[in-house]
Amino acid sequence: MAKRIEDADFSQTGYSYTLSLISGKYKPIILYCLMEYEPVRFNQMQRYLGKIADKTLSATLKELERDGLVHREMYPEIPPKVEYSLTERGRSLMNVLDQLCVWGNAHRT
């Protein structure tokens, strides 16, 4: 029996769930940065991303942390030192992001 689009619900797919975790202007870039350079401090991340507001970067990192992809480590120092790294769950997503890099390198013109 053929699948019917009328019976389908995209929001219930694994693809939809994955996109909900990594979609947005900065999330994939932050995850890529952490994959390549972890641990990374806030200011280092900001320089890496270019023109991004403190508030935007902070909110995006909090979302990634809430979703269990990024770990935030705060050290009791003055001035405060905070480092970000991937969680095990975040690392498990790196094969997907790495394939985006492979495809991009192969098809870049």
Protein backbone atom coordinates (compact mmCIF):
# COMPACT_ATOMS: atom_id res chain seq x y z
CA MET A 1 0.00 0.00 0.00
CA ALA A 2 1.37 3.40 -0.98
CA LYS A 3 1.91 6.12 1.59
CA ARG A 4 -0.58 8.94 1.47
CA ILE A 5 0.53 12.51 2.09
CA GLU A 6 -2.91 13.22 3.52
CA ASP A 7 -2.06 10.87 6.41
CA ALA A 8 1.42 12.30 6.96
CA ASP A 9 2.48 14.72 9.71
CA PHE A 10 5.91 16.23 9.14
CA SER A 11 6.11 17.45 12.75
CA GLN A 12 6.21 13.81 13.89
CA THR A 13 9.30 12.88 11.85
CA GLY A 14 12.86 12.50 13.08
CA TYR A 15 13.91 15.00 10.43
CA SER A 16 11.59 17.62 11.91
CA TYR A 17 12.89 16.96 15.42
CA THR A 18 16.52 17.27 14.33
CA LEU A 19 15.80 20.52 12.50
CA SER A 20 14.07 21.90 15.59
CA LEU A 21 17.34 21.43 17.52
CA ILE A 22 19.76 22.86 14.97
CA SER A 23 17.73 25.34 12.94
CA GLY A 24 18.41 29.02 13.15
CA LYS A 25 21.03 31.42 11.92
CA TYR A 26 23.71 30.58 14.49
CA LYS A 27 23.05 27.14 16.00
CA PRO A 28 24.77 25.09 13.28
CA ILE A 29 27.75 27.47 13.31
CA ILE A 30 28.07 27.29 17.09
CA LEU A 31 27.90 23.50 17.00
CA TYR A 32 30.50 23.40 14.23
CA CYS A 33 32.76 25.75 16.20
CA LEU A 34 32.52 23.55 19.28
CA MET A 35 33.15 20.44 17.20
CA GLU A 36 36.38 21.97 15.89
CA TYR A 37 37.68 23.98 18.85
CA GLU A 38 36.06 22.99 22.15
CA PRO A 39 36.14 24.20 24.83
CA VAL A 40 35.35 27.73 23.72
CA ARG A 41 34.78 30.84 25.79
CA PHE A 42 31.94 33.28 25.10
CA ASN A 43 34.17 36.03 23.66
CA GLN A 44 36.04 33.54 21.46
CA MET A 45 32.72 32.31 20.10
CA GLN A 46 31.60 35.87 19.46
CA ARG A 47 34.77 36.64 17.49
CA TYR A 48 34.39 33.40 15.53
CA LEU A 49 30.79 34.22 14.56
CA GLY A 50 31.52 37.80 13.55
CA LYS A 51 28.71 40.28 13.97
CA ILE A 52 26.45 38.79 16.62
CA ALA A 53 24.95 40.62 19.57
CA ASP A 54 25.78 39.44 23.11
CA LYS A 55 22.08 38.89 23.76
CA THR A 56 21.61 36.77 20.62
CA LEU A 57 24.64 34.59 21.32
CA SER A 58 23.65 34.17 24.95
CA ALA A 59 20.07 33.19 24.04
CA THR A 60 21.24 30.74 21.38
CA LEU A 61 23.73 29.09 23.73
CA LYS A 62 21.00 28.78 26.38
CA GLU A 63 18.71 27.06 23.87
CA LEU A 64 21.46 24.62 22.89
CA GLU A 65 22.16 23.97 26.56
CA ARG A 66 18.43 23.46 27.29
CA ASP A 67 18.24 20.95 24.44
CA GLY A 68 21.16 19.00 25.88
CA LEU A 69 23.61 19.68 23.05
CA VAL A 70 25.97 22.12 24.78
CA HIS A 71 27.50 22.09 28.26
CA ARG A 72 28.24 25.36 30.05
CA GLU A 73 31.05 25.25 32.62
CA MET A 74 31.40 28.25 34.91
CA TYR A 75 34.58 28.65 36.94
CA PRO A 76 34.54 30.58 40.23
CA GLU A 77 36.99 33.27 39.18
CA ILE A 78 37.01 37.02 38.92
CA PRO A 79 36.37 37.97 36.20
CA PRO A 80 34.03 35.01 35.64
CA LYS A 81 35.29 32.35 33.25
CA VAL A 82 32.73 30.37 31.28
CA GLU A 83 33.52 27.68 28.74
CA TYR A 84 31.21 25.87 26.35
CA SER A 85 31.64 22.37 25.00
CA LEU A 86 29.54 19.68 23.37
CA THR A 87 27.68 17.15 25.47
CA GLU A 88 27.64 13.48 24.47
CA ARG A 89 24.29 14.17 22.84
CA GLY A 90 25.81 17.10 20.95
CA ARG A 91 28.76 14.97 19.84
CA SER A 92 26.36 12.35 18.51
CA LEU A 93 25.01 15.01 16.13
CA MET A 94 28.46 15.78 14.69
CA ASN A 95 28.28 13.05 12.04
CA VAL A 96 25.28 14.85 10.57
CA LEU A 97 26.99 18.25 10.60
CA ASP A 98 30.23 16.75 9.32
CA GLN A 99 28.37 15.39 6.31
CA LEU A 100 27.14 18.92 5.58
CA CYS A 101 30.80 19.99 5.50
CA VAL A 102 31.75 17.10 3.22
CA TRP A 103 28.93 17.91 0.83
CA GLY A 104 29.77 21.62 0.87
CA ASN A 105 33.44 21.01 0.15
CA ALA A 106 32.57 18.66 -2.72
CA HIS A 107 30.08 21.05 -4.31
CA ARG A 108 31.63 24.44 -3.64
CA THR A 109 32.12 26.44 -6.82
